[in-house]
């Protein structure tokens, strides 16, 4: 079972790779507090969809776990799990443990 730092490292690497591919300067050196999507976020909806797919694939590959980050729970959450790296780490970890 992966721990929080394992998941955060995976997400940070996914964000870095996406930032390079989409040429998103603000996310080339992401941290746990980096804003991803929403009011202050650097991602548009297409980049967010790509990031979610990348993370789901990476979780499957590295941790042999199948998760869905774009589910009803995420879409109806009062605080979006996509707002920053920390919230996305929380959502990913929660789904792996479920």
Protein backbone atom coordinates (compact mmCIF):
# COMPACT_ATOMS: atom_id res chain seq x y z
CA UNK A 1 0.00 0.00 0.00
CA UNK A 2 1.51 3.34 -1.02
CA UNK A 3 1.87 6.09 1.56
CA UNK A 4 1.07 9.78 1.19
CA UNK A 5 4.57 10.78 0.10
CA UNK A 6 4.56 8.06 -2.59
CA UNK A 7 1.27 9.36 -3.99
CA UNK A 8 2.34 12.99 -3.81
CA UNK A 9 5.60 12.21 -5.64
CA UNK A 10 3.66 10.41 -8.36
CA UNK A 11 1.28 13.36 -8.75
CA UNK A 12 4.09 15.92 -8.76
CA UNK A 13 5.84 13.97 -11.52
CA UNK A 14 2.59 13.73 -13.51
CA UNK A 15 2.04 17.49 -13.14
CA UNK A 16 5.63 18.24 -14.24
CA UNK A 17 5.30 16.03 -17.30
CA UNK A 18 1.96 17.57 -18.23
CA UNK A 19 3.37 21.10 -17.73
CA UNK A 20 6.20 20.28 -20.13
CA UNK A 21 3.84 18.74 -22.71
CA UNK A 22 1.32 21.59 -22.54
CA UNK A 23 3.96 24.29 -21.99
CA UNK A 24 2.44 25.47 -18.71
CA UNK A 25 5.19 27.56 -17.15
CA UNK A 26 3.43 27.91 -13.78
CA UNK A 27 3.56 24.14 -13.15
CA UNK A 28 7.07 23.23 -14.29
CA UNK A 29 8.20 23.07 -10.64
CA UNK A 30 5.06 22.04 -8.75
CA UNK A 31 4.72 21.78 -4.98
CA UNK A 32 1.93 20.46 -2.76
CA UNK A 33 0.40 23.94 -2.78
CA UNK A 34 0.48 24.41 -6.57
CA UNK A 35 -2.95 25.47 -7.83
CA UNK A 36 -4.18 23.13 -10.56
CA UNK A 37 -7.76 23.87 -11.52
CA UNK A 38 -10.32 26.49 -10.59
CA UNK A 39 -9.98 30.17 -9.78
CA UNK A 40 -6.19 30.24 -9.41
CA UNK A 41 -5.39 27.07 -11.32
CA UNK A 42 -3.10 26.90 -14.33
CA UNK A 43 -4.97 24.03 -16.03
CA UNK A 44 -7.85 24.32 -18.46
CA UNK A 45 -10.41 21.52 -18.63
CA UNK A 46 -8.58 19.60 -21.37
CA UNK A 47 -5.28 19.66 -19.46
CA UNK A 48 -7.12 18.55 -16.29
CA UNK A 49 -8.64 15.56 -18.11
CA UNK A 50 -5.17 14.60 -19.36
CA UNK A 51 -3.70 14.93 -15.85
CA UNK A 52 -6.43 12.76 -14.32
CA UNK A 53 -5.89 10.06 -16.95
CA UNK A 54 -2.11 10.22 -16.43
CA UNK A 55 -2.48 9.84 -12.66
CA UNK A 56 -4.95 6.97 -12.95
CA UNK A 57 -2.55 5.18 -15.33
CA UNK A 58 0.45 5.84 -13.07
CA UNK A 59 -1.39 4.54 -10.00
CA UNK A 60 -2.29 1.40 -11.90
CA UNK A 61 1.27 0.90 -13.13
CA UNK A 62 3.13 1.71 -9.91
CA UNK A 63 0.73 0.46 -7.25
CA UNK A 64 -1.38 -2.12 -9.11
CA UNK A 65 -4.56 -0.28 -8.11
CA UNK A 66 -7.44 0.77 -10.33
CA UNK A 67 -9.00 4.09 -9.33
CA UNK A 68 -11.34 6.68 -10.86
CA UNK A 69 -10.54 10.29 -9.99
CA UNK A 70 -13.32 11.77 -12.13
CA UNK A 71 -16.29 10.21 -10.37
CA UNK A 72 -19.56 11.45 -8.90
CA UNK A 73 -17.94 11.98 -5.49
CA UNK A 74 -15.29 14.29 -6.99
CA UNK A 75 -17.77 16.19 -9.13
CA UNK A 76 -20.18 16.81 -6.25
CA UNK A 77 -17.57 17.63 -3.59
CA UNK A 78 -17.95 20.99 -1.88
CA UNK A 79 -14.18 21.54 -2.25
CA UNK A 80 -12.87 20.29 -5.57
CA UNK A 81 -10.19 17.60 -5.31
CA UNK A 82 -8.59 19.20 -8.37
CA UNK A 83 -7.84 22.59 -6.81
CA UNK A 84 -4.20 21.83 -5.90
CA UNK A 85 -1.66 19.03 -5.63
CA UNK A 86 -2.42 18.45 -1.94
CA UNK A 87 -6.17 18.00 -2.48
CA UNK A 88 -5.53 15.72 -5.47
CA UNK A 89 -3.13 13.67 -3.34
CA UNK A 90 -5.83 13.33 -0.66
CA UNK A 91 -8.41 12.22 -3.23
CA UNK A 92 -6.03 9.72 -4.83
CA UNK A 93 -4.98 8.22 -1.51
CA UNK A 94 -8.62 7.94 -0.40
CA UNK A 95 -9.53 6.02 -3.57
CA UNK A 96 -6.56 3.66 -3.31
CA UNK A 97 -7.44 2.82 0.28
CA UNK A 98 -11.12 2.24 -0.52
